[in-house]
PDB file of N, CA and C in Angstrom:
ATOM      1  N   UNK A   1       6.084  -6.616 -12.703  1.00  0.00           N
ATOM      2  CA  UNK A   1       5.790  -4.709 -12.698  1.00  0.00           C
ATOM      3  C   UNK A   1       6.610  -3.767 -13.158  1.00  0.00           C
ATOM      4  N   UNK A   2       5.757  -3.582 -14.048  1.00  0.00           N
ATOM      5  CA  UNK A   2       6.089  -1.477 -14.075  1.00  0.00           C
ATOM      6  C   UNK A   2       7.020  -1.008 -13.288  1.00  0.00           C
ATOM      7  N   UNK A   3       8.104  -0.277 -14.003  1.00  0.00           N
ATOM      8  CA  UNK A   3       8.923  -0.176 -12.987  1.00  0.00           C
ATOM      9  C   UNK A   3       8.082   2.175 -12.253  1.00  0.00           C
ATOM     10  N   UNK A   4       6.483   2.192 -13.329  1.00  0.00           N
ATOM     11  CA  UNK A   4       6.226   3.075 -12.758  1.00  0.00           C
ATOM     12  C   UNK A   4       5.090   2.541 -11.178  1.00  0.00           C
ATOM     13  N   UNK A   5       4.694   1.090 -11.640  1.00  0.00           N
ATOM     14  CA  UNK A   5       3.662   0.370 -10.688  1.00  0.00           C
ATOM     15  C   UNK A   5       5.141  -0.038  -9.266  1.00  0.00           C
ATOM     16  N   UNK A   6       6.113   0.263  -9.628  1.00  0.00           N
ATOM     17  CA  UNK A   6       6.422  -0.330  -8.216  1.00  0.00           C
ATOM     18  C   UNK A   6       7.606   0.969  -7.235  1.00  0.00           C
ATOM     19  N   UNK A   7       7.638   2.106  -8.479  1.00  0.00           N
ATOM     20  CA  UNK A   7       7.497   3.322  -7.764  1.00  0.00           C
ATOM     21  C   UNK A   7       6.238   3.781  -6.172  1.00  0.00           C
ATOM     22  N   UNK A   8       4.946   3.420  -7.307  1.00  0.00           N
ATOM     23  CA  UNK A   8       4.655   3.108  -6.063  1.00  0.00           C
ATOM     24  C   UNK A   8       4.090   2.981  -5.261  1.00  0.00           C
ATOM     25  N   UNK A   9       4.268   1.440  -5.455  1.00  0.00           N
ATOM     26  CA  UNK A   9       4.591   0.708  -4.215  1.00  0.00           C
ATOM     27  C   UNK A   9       5.578   0.555  -3.199  1.00  0.00           C
ATOM     28  N   UNK A  10       6.401   1.077  -4.392  1.00  0.00           N
ATOM     29  CA  UNK A  10       7.437   1.189  -2.086  1.00  0.00           C
ATOM     30  C   UNK A  10       6.769   2.366  -1.895  1.00  0.00           C
ATOM     31  N   UNK A  11       6.518   3.500  -2.552  1.00  0.00           N
ATOM     32  CA  UNK A  11       5.935   5.190  -1.457  1.00  0.00           C
ATOM     33  C   UNK A  11       4.768   4.687  -0.957  1.00  0.00           C
ATOM     34  N   UNK A  12       3.838   3.856  -1.322  1.00  0.00           N
ATOM     35  CA  UNK A  12       2.973   3.306  -0.199  1.00  0.00           C
ATOM     36  C   UNK A  12       3.254   2.436   0.739  1.00  0.00           C
ATOM     37  N   UNK A  13       3.863   1.477   0.785  1.00  0.00           N
ATOM     38  CA  UNK A  13       4.760   0.774   1.735  1.00  0.00           C
ATOM     39  C   UNK A  13       5.146   2.033   2.591  1.00  0.00           C
ATOM     40  N   UNK A  14       6.124   2.581   2.021  1.00  0.00           N
ATOM     41  CA  UNK A  14       6.923   3.458   3.200  1.00  0.00           C
ATOM     42  C   UNK A  14       6.139   4.943   4.397  1.00  0.00           C
ATOM     43  N   UNK A  15       4.773   4.637   3.146  1.00  0.00           N
ATOM     44  CA  UNK A  15       3.728   5.052   4.436  1.00  0.00           C
ATOM     45  C   UNK A  15       3.442   4.923   5.436  1.00  0.00           C
ATOM     46  N   UNK A  16       2.502   3.556   4.782  1.00  0.00           N
ATOM     47  CA  UNK A  16       1.698   2.409   5.436  1.00  0.00           C
ATOM     48  C   UNK A  16       2.694   1.952   6.649  1.00  0.00           C
ATOM     49  N   UNK A  17       4.706   1.933   6.531  1.00  0.00           N
ATOM     50  CA  UNK A  17       5.141   1.502   7.537  1.00  0.00           C
ATOM     51  C   UNK A  17       5.031   2.674   8.708  1.00  0.00           C
ATOM     52  N   UNK A  18       4.872   3.825   7.887  1.00  0.00           N
ATOM     53  CA  UNK A  18       4.672   5.215   8.563  1.00  0.00           C
ATOM     54  C   UNK A  18       4.014   4.819  10.407  1.00  0.00           C
ATOM     55  N   UNK A  19       3.041   4.271   9.567  1.00  0.00           N
ATOM     56  CA  UNK A  19       1.925   3.371  10.958  1.00  0.00           C
ATOM     57  C   UNK A  19       2.572   2.655  11.723  1.00  0.00           C
ATOM     58  N   UNK A  20       3.700   2.300  11.590  1.00  0.00           N
ATOM     59  CA  UNK A  20       3.962   1.121  12.574  1.00  0.00           C
ATOM     60  C   UNK A  20       4.193  -0.012  12.173  1.00  0.00           C
ATOM     61  N   UNK A  21       3.482  -0.138  10.763  1.00  0.00           N
ATOM     62  CA  UNK A  21       2.802  -1.996  10.319  1.00  0.00           C
ATOM     63  C   UNK A  21       4.590  -1.894   9.439  1.00  0.00           C
ATOM     64  N   UNK A  22       4.815  -3.673   8.993  1.00  0.00           N
ATOM     65  CA  UNK A  22       6.341  -3.553   9.135  1.00  0.00           C
ATOM     66  C   UNK A  22       6.269  -3.470   6.716  1.00  0.00           C
ATOM     67  N   UNK A  23       7.697  -2.692   6.788  1.00  0.00           N
ATOM     68  CA  UNK A  23       7.436  -2.425   5.785  1.00  0.00           C
ATOM     69  C   UNK A  23       7.985  -3.633   4.349  1.00  0.00           C
ATOM     70  N   UNK A  24       6.998  -4.615   4.217  1.00  0.00           N
ATOM     71  CA  UNK A  24       7.917  -5.404   3.595  1.00  0.00           C
ATOM     72  C   UNK A  24       8.092  -5.836   1.870  1.00  0.00           C
ATOM     73  N   UNK A  25       8.121  -4.207   1.730  1.00  0.00           N
ATOM     74  CA  UNK A  25       8.495  -3.618   0.015  1.00  0.00           C
ATOM     75  C   UNK A  25       7.132  -3.940  -1.117  1.00  0.00           C
ATOM     76  N   UNK A  26       7.300  -3.915  -2.022  1.00  0.00           N
ATOM     77  CA  UNK A  26       7.139  -4.393  -3.346  1.00  0.00           C
ATOM     78  C   UNK A  26       7.437  -5.604  -3.582  1.00  0.00           C
ATOM     79  N   UNK A  27       6.333  -6.651  -4.157  1.00  0.00           N
ATOM     80  CA  UNK A  27       6.445  -7.803  -4.753  1.00  0.00           C
ATOM     81  C   UNK A  27       6.303  -7.535  -5.494  1.00  0.00           C
ATOM     82  N   UNK A  28       6.795  -7.989  -7.423  1.00  0.00           N
ATOM     83  CA  UNK A  28       6.131  -8.267  -8.330  1.00  0.00           C
ATOM     84  C   UNK A  28       5.316  -9.818  -8.396  1.00  0.00           C
ATOM     85  N   UNK A  29       4.209  -9.828  -8.529  1.00  0.00           N
ATOM     86  CA  UNK A  29       2.970 -10.464  -9.309  1.00  0.00           C
ATOM     87  C   UNK A  29       2.514 -10.926  -9.919  1.00  0.00           C
ATOM     88  N   UNK A  30       3.255 -10.811 -11.046  1.00  0.00           N
ATOM     89  CA  UNK A  30       3.116 -10.920 -12.226  1.00  0.00           C
ATOM     90  C   UNK A  30       2.295 -12.169 -13.260  1.00  0.00           C
ATOM     91  N   UNK A  31       1.551 -12.357 -12.409  1.00  0.00           N
ATOM     92  CA  UNK A  31       0.685 -14.022 -12.673  1.00  0.00           C
ATOM     93  C   UNK A  31      -0.561 -13.478 -11.929  1.00  0.00           C
ATOM     94  N   UNK A  32      -0.656 -12.818 -11.137  1.00  0.00           N
ATOM     95  CA  UNK A  32      -1.711 -12.377 -11.009  1.00  0.00           C
ATOM     96  C   UNK A  32      -3.416 -11.619 -12.379  1.00  0.00           C
ATOM     97  N   UNK A  33      -4.608 -12.282 -11.787  1.00  0.00           N
ATOM     98  CA  UNK A  33      -5.320 -12.144 -13.127  1.00  0.00           C
ATOM     99  C   UNK A  33      -5.615 -10.500 -13.392  1.00  0.00           C
ATOM    100  N   UNK A  34      -4.992  -9.680 -11.868  1.00  0.00           N
ATOM    101  CA  UNK A  34      -6.022  -8.249 -12.587  1.00  0.00           C
ATOM    102  C   UNK A  34      -4.091  -7.534 -13.055  1.00  0.00           C
ATOM    103  N   UNK A  35      -3.232  -7.751 -12.145  1.00  0.00           N
ATOM    104  CA  UNK A  35      -2.108  -7.050 -12.446  1.00  0.00           C
ATOM    105  C   UNK A  35      -1.916  -7.812 -14.139  1.00  0.00           C
ATOM    106  N   UNK A  36      -1.582  -9.487 -14.591  1.00  0.00           N
ATOM    107  CA  UNK A  36      -1.371  -9.965 -15.560  1.00  0.00           C
ATOM    108  C   UNK A  36      -2.716  -9.115 -16.888  1.00  0.00           C
ATOM    109  N   UNK A  37      -3.953  -8.982 -17.014  1.00  0.00           N
ATOM    110  CA  UNK A  37      -4.716  -9.010 -18.157  1.00  0.00           C
ATOM    111  C   UNK A  37      -5.213  -7.336 -17.847  1.00  0.00           C
ATOM    112  N   UNK A  38      -4.191  -6.319 -17.647  1.00  0.00           N
ATOM    113  CA  UNK A  38      -4.786  -4.981 -17.685  1.00  0.00           C
ATOM    114  C   UNK A  38      -3.034  -4.455 -18.013  1.00  0.00           C
ATOM    115  N   UNK A  39      -3.309  -3.115 -19.240  1.00  0.00           N
ATOM    116  CA  UNK A  39      -2.956  -2.736 -19.744  1.00  0.00           C
ATOM    117  C   UNK A  39      -2.255  -1.036 -19.077  1.00  0.00           C
ATOM    118  N   UNK A  40      -2.717  -1.482 -17.454  1.00  0.00           N
ATOM    119  CA  UNK A  40      -2.717   0.209 -17.177  1.00  0.00           C
ATOM    120  C   UNK A  40      -2.153  -0.144 -15.856  1.00  0.00           C
ATOM    121  N   UNK A  41      -1.141   1.097 -15.333  1.00  0.00           N
ATOM    122  CA  UNK A  41      -0.439   0.878 -13.714  1.00  0.00           C
ATOM    123  C   UNK A  41      -1.081   0.298 -12.793  1.00  0.00           C
ATOM    124  N   UNK A  42      -1.424  -1.094 -12.662  1.00  0.00           N
ATOM    125  CA  UNK A  42      -2.106  -1.255 -10.954  1.00  0.00           C
ATOM    126  C   UNK A  42      -1.403  -1.796 -10.171  1.00  0.00           C
ATOM    127  N   UNK A  43      -1.517  -2.158  -8.915  1.00  0.00           N
ATOM    128  CA  UNK A  43      -1.200  -2.533  -8.219  1.00  0.00           C
ATOM    129  C   UNK A  43      -1.588  -3.021  -6.777  1.00  0.00           C
ATOM    130  N   UNK A  44      -1.467  -4.150  -6.517  1.00  0.00           N
ATOM    131  CA  UNK A  44      -2.114  -4.525  -5.557  1.00  0.00           C
ATOM    132  C   UNK A  44      -1.694  -4.369  -3.951  1.00  0.00           C
ATOM    133  N   UNK A  45      -3.241  -3.150  -3.004  1.00  0.00           N
ATOM    134  CA  UNK A  45      -2.362  -3.054  -1.702  1.00  0.00           C
ATOM    135  C   UNK A  45      -3.155  -3.991  -0.493  1.00  0.00           C
ATOM    136  N   UNK A  46      -1.971  -4.257   0.027  1.00  0.00           N
ATOM    137  CA  UNK A  46      -2.500  -5.819   1.104  1.00  0.00           C
ATOM    138  C   UNK A  46      -1.418  -4.655   2.111  1.00  0.00           C
ATOM    139  N   UNK A  47      -2.281  -4.289   3.197  1.00  0.00           N
ATOM    140  CA  UNK A  47      -1.198  -3.363   4.488  1.00  0.00           C
ATOM    141  C   UNK A  47      -0.975  -3.477   5.406  1.00  0.00           C
ATOM    142  N   UNK A  48      -1.979  -4.706   5.671  1.00  0.00           N
ATOM    143  CA  UNK A  48      -1.700  -6.077   7.604  1.00  0.00           C
ATOM    144  C   UNK A  48      -2.366  -7.096   6.896  1.00  0.00           C
ATOM    145  N   UNK A  49      -2.361  -8.167   7.861  1.00  0.00           N
ATOM    146  CA  UNK A  49      -3.014  -9.016   8.127  1.00  0.00           C
ATOM    147  C   UNK A  49      -3.608  -8.865   8.507  1.00  0.00           C
ATOM    148  N   UNK A  50      -4.819  -9.054   9.173  1.00  0.00           N
ATOM    149  CA  UNK A  50      -5.983  -9.270  10.286  1.00  0.00           C
ATOM    150  C   UNK A  50      -6.082 -10.286  11.091  1.00  0.00           C
ATOM    151  N   UNK A  51      -5.260 -11.348  10.472  1.00  0.00           N
ATOM    152  CA  UNK A  51      -4.957 -12.229  11.376  1.00  0.00           C
ATOM    153  C   UNK A  51      -4.152 -12.290  12.403  1.00  0.00           C
ATOM    154  N   UNK A  52      -3.653 -10.926  13.114  1.00  0.00           N
ATOM    155  CA  UNK A  52      -2.566 -10.574  13.551  1.00  0.00           C
ATOM    156  C   UNK A  52      -2.903  -9.535  14.593  1.00  0.00           C
ATOM    157  N   UNK A  53      -3.394 -10.398  15.692  1.00  0.00           N
ATOM    158  CA  UNK A  53      -3.400  -9.271  16.716  1.00  0.00           C
ATOM    159  C   UNK A  53      -2.651  -8.012  17.037  1.00  0.00           C
ATOM    160  N   UNK A  54      -1.611  -7.317  17.100  1.00  0.00           N
ATOM    161  CA  UNK A  54      -0.964  -6.933  16.755  1.00  0.00           C
ATOM    162  C   UNK A  54      -0.868  -5.739  16.068  1.00  0.00           C
ATOM    163  N   UNK A  55      -1.703  -6.249  14.956  1.00  0.00           N
ATOM    164  CA  UNK A  55      -1.982  -4.986  13.663  1.00  0.00           C
ATOM    165  C   UNK A  55      -2.984  -4.456  13.496  1.00  0.00           C
ATOM    166  N   UNK A  56      -3.674  -5.281  13.966  1.00  0.00           N
ATOM    167  CA  UNK A  56      -5.795  -4.920  13.852  1.00  0.00           C
ATOM    168  C   UNK A  56      -5.363  -3.902  15.050  1.00  0.00           C
ATOM    169  N   UNK A  57      -4.294  -4.369  16.415  1.00  0.00           N
ATOM    170  CA  UNK A  57      -4.561  -3.281  17.465  1.00  0.00           C
ATOM    171  C   UNK A  57      -3.859  -1.699  16.780  1.00  0.00           C
ATOM    172  N   UNK A  58      -3.230  -1.561  15.487  1.00  0.00           N
ATOM    173  CA  UNK A  58      -2.839  -0.371  14.466  1.00  0.00           C
ATOM    174  C   UNK A  58      -3.471   0.057  14.131  1.00  0.00           C
ATOM    175  N   UNK A  59      -5.392  -0.772  13.698  1.00  0.00           N
ATOM    176  CA  UNK A  59      -5.368  -0.222  12.560  1.00  0.00           C
ATOM    177  C   UNK A  59      -6.542   0.884  12.757  1.00  0.00           C
ATOM    178  N   UNK A  60      -6.298   1.790  12.173  1.00  0.00           N
ATOM    179  CA  UNK A  60      -7.040   2.969  11.618  1.00  0.00           C
ATOM    180  C   UNK A  60      -7.399   3.268  10.203  1.00  0.00           C
ATOM    181  N   UNK A  61      -8.502   3.416   9.900  1.00  0.00           N
ATOM    182  CA  UNK A  61      -9.044   3.756   8.929  1.00  0.00           C
ATOM    183  C   UNK A  61      -8.699   4.677   7.701  1.00  0.00           C
ATOM    184  N   UNK A  62      -9.358   5.848   8.435  1.00  0.00           N
ATOM    185  CA  UNK A  62      -8.236   6.921   8.439  1.00  0.00           C
ATOM    186  C   UNK A  62      -7.038   6.847   8.254  1.00  0.00           C
ATOM    187  N   UNK A  63      -6.002   7.124   9.237  1.00  0.00           N
ATOM    188  CA  UNK A  63      -4.101   6.565   8.497  1.00  0.00           C
ATOM    189  C   UNK A  63      -4.327   6.153   7.927  1.00  0.00           C
ATOM    190  N   UNK A  64      -4.831   4.732   7.385  1.00  0.00           N
ATOM    191  CA  UNK A  64      -4.277   4.038   6.293  1.00  0.00           C
ATOM    192  C   UNK A  64      -4.780   4.674   5.114  1.00  0.00           C
ATOM    193  N   UNK A  65      -6.178   4.635   5.371  1.00  0.00           N
ATOM    194  CA  UNK A  65      -6.447   5.833   3.346  1.00  0.00           C
ATOM    195  C   UNK A  65      -5.375   6.760   3.195  1.00  0.00           C
ATOM    196  N   UNK A  66      -4.894   7.281   4.154  1.00  0.00           N
ATOM    197  CA  UNK A  66      -4.864   9.081   4.121  1.00  0.00           C
ATOM    198  C   UNK A  66      -3.459   8.629   3.795  1.00  0.00           C
ATOM    199  N   UNK A  67      -2.291   7.716   4.480  1.00  0.00           N
ATOM    200  CA  UNK A  67      -1.202   7.024   3.532  1.00  0.00           C
ATOM    201  C   UNK A  67      -0.813   6.724   3.130  1.00  0.00           C
ATOM    202  N   UNK A  68      -2.416   5.847   2.150  1.00  0.00           N
ATOM    203  CA  UNK A  68      -2.228   4.856   0.689  1.00  0.00           C
ATOM    204  C   UNK A  68      -1.745   6.749  -0.466  1.00  0.00           C
ATOM    205  N   UNK A  69      -3.698   7.573  -0.097  1.00  0.00           N
ATOM    206  CA  UNK A  69      -3.318   8.944  -0.652  1.00  0.00           C
ATOM    207  C   UNK A  69      -1.683   9.747  -0.746  1.00  0.00           C
ATOM    208  N   UNK A  70      -1.115   9.674   0.382  1.00  0.00           N
ATOM    209  CA  UNK A  70      -0.281  10.185   0.583  1.00  0.00           C
ATOM    210  C   UNK A  70       0.644  10.055  -0.008  1.00  0.00           C
ATOM    211  N   UNK A  71       0.708   8.250  -0.440  1.00  0.00           N
ATOM    212  CA  UNK A  71       1.217   7.460  -1.749  1.00  0.00           C
ATOM    213  C   UNK A  71       1.530   7.862  -2.211  1.00  0.00           C
ATOM    214  N   UNK A  72       0.497   7.402  -3.224  1.00  0.00           N
ATOM    215  CA  UNK A  72       0.102   8.116  -4.513  1.00  0.00           C
ATOM    216  C   UNK A  72       0.702   9.387  -4.946  1.00  0.00           C
ATOM    217  N   UNK A  73       0.242  10.405  -4.282  1.00  0.00           N
ATOM    218  CA  UNK A  73      -0.229  12.136  -4.568  1.00  0.00           C
ATOM    219  C   UNK A  73       1.140  13.061  -4.045  1.00  0.00           C
ATOM    220  N   UNK A  74       1.423  12.376  -2.197  1.00  0.00           N
ATOM    221  CA  UNK A  74       2.227  13.349  -2.010  1.00  0.00           C
ATOM    222  C   UNK A  74       1.982  14.441  -1.221  1.00  0.00           C
ATOM    223  N   UNK A  75       0.611  14.156  -1.221  1.00  0.00           N
ATOM    224  CA  UNK A  75      -0.997  14.767  -0.574  1.00  0.00           C
ATOM    225  C   UNK A  75      -1.366  14.723   0.901  1.00  0.00           C
ATOM    226  N   UNK A  76      -1.607  14.705   1.290  1.00  0.00           N
ATOM    227  CA  UNK A  76      -2.445  14.540   2.705  1.00  0.00           C
ATOM    228  C   UNK A  76      -3.083  15.670   3.100  1.00  0.00           C
ATOM    229  N   UNK A  77      -4.509  14.133   3.041  1.00  0.00           N
ATOM    230  CA  UNK A  77      -6.506  14.876   3.033  1.00  0.00           C
ATOM    231  C   UNK A  77      -6.488  14.897   4.101  1.00  0.00           C
ATOM    232  N   UNK A  78      -6.202  13.925   5.280  1.00  0.00           N
ATOM    233  CA  UNK A  78      -7.132  14.316   7.069  1.00  0.00           C
ATOM    234  C   UNK A  78      -5.543  14.298   7.912  1.00  0.00           C
ATOM    235  N   UNK A  79      -6.160  15.283   7.854  1.00  0.00           N
ATOM    236  CA  UNK A  79      -5.147  15.781   9.151  1.00  0.00           C
ATOM    237  C   UNK A  79      -5.636  15.894  10.587  1.00  0.00           C
ATOM    238  N   UNK A  80      -5.215  14.915  11.321  1.00  0.00           N
ATOM    239  CA  UNK A  80      -5.786  14.000  12.241  1.00  0.00           C
ATOM    240  C   UNK A  80      -4.723  13.758  13.632  1.00  0.00           C
TER     241      UNK A  80
END
């Protein structure tokens, strides 16, 4: 994971944790195909476990999308 990728991943993890999901932080997985064969800054976002009922009960597509955007840009897109 590049230093820039780690910064983005940590910011996004913190925003998602603000929605009461567990903050698992950033984990380097350099052997994943998408990450291994790109020169661009790239991260994979896995916000929650869909087989965990407690996580599914917290799910809101709008809130989750906003948390990801805010982690990347610092800007809130949806205010609800």
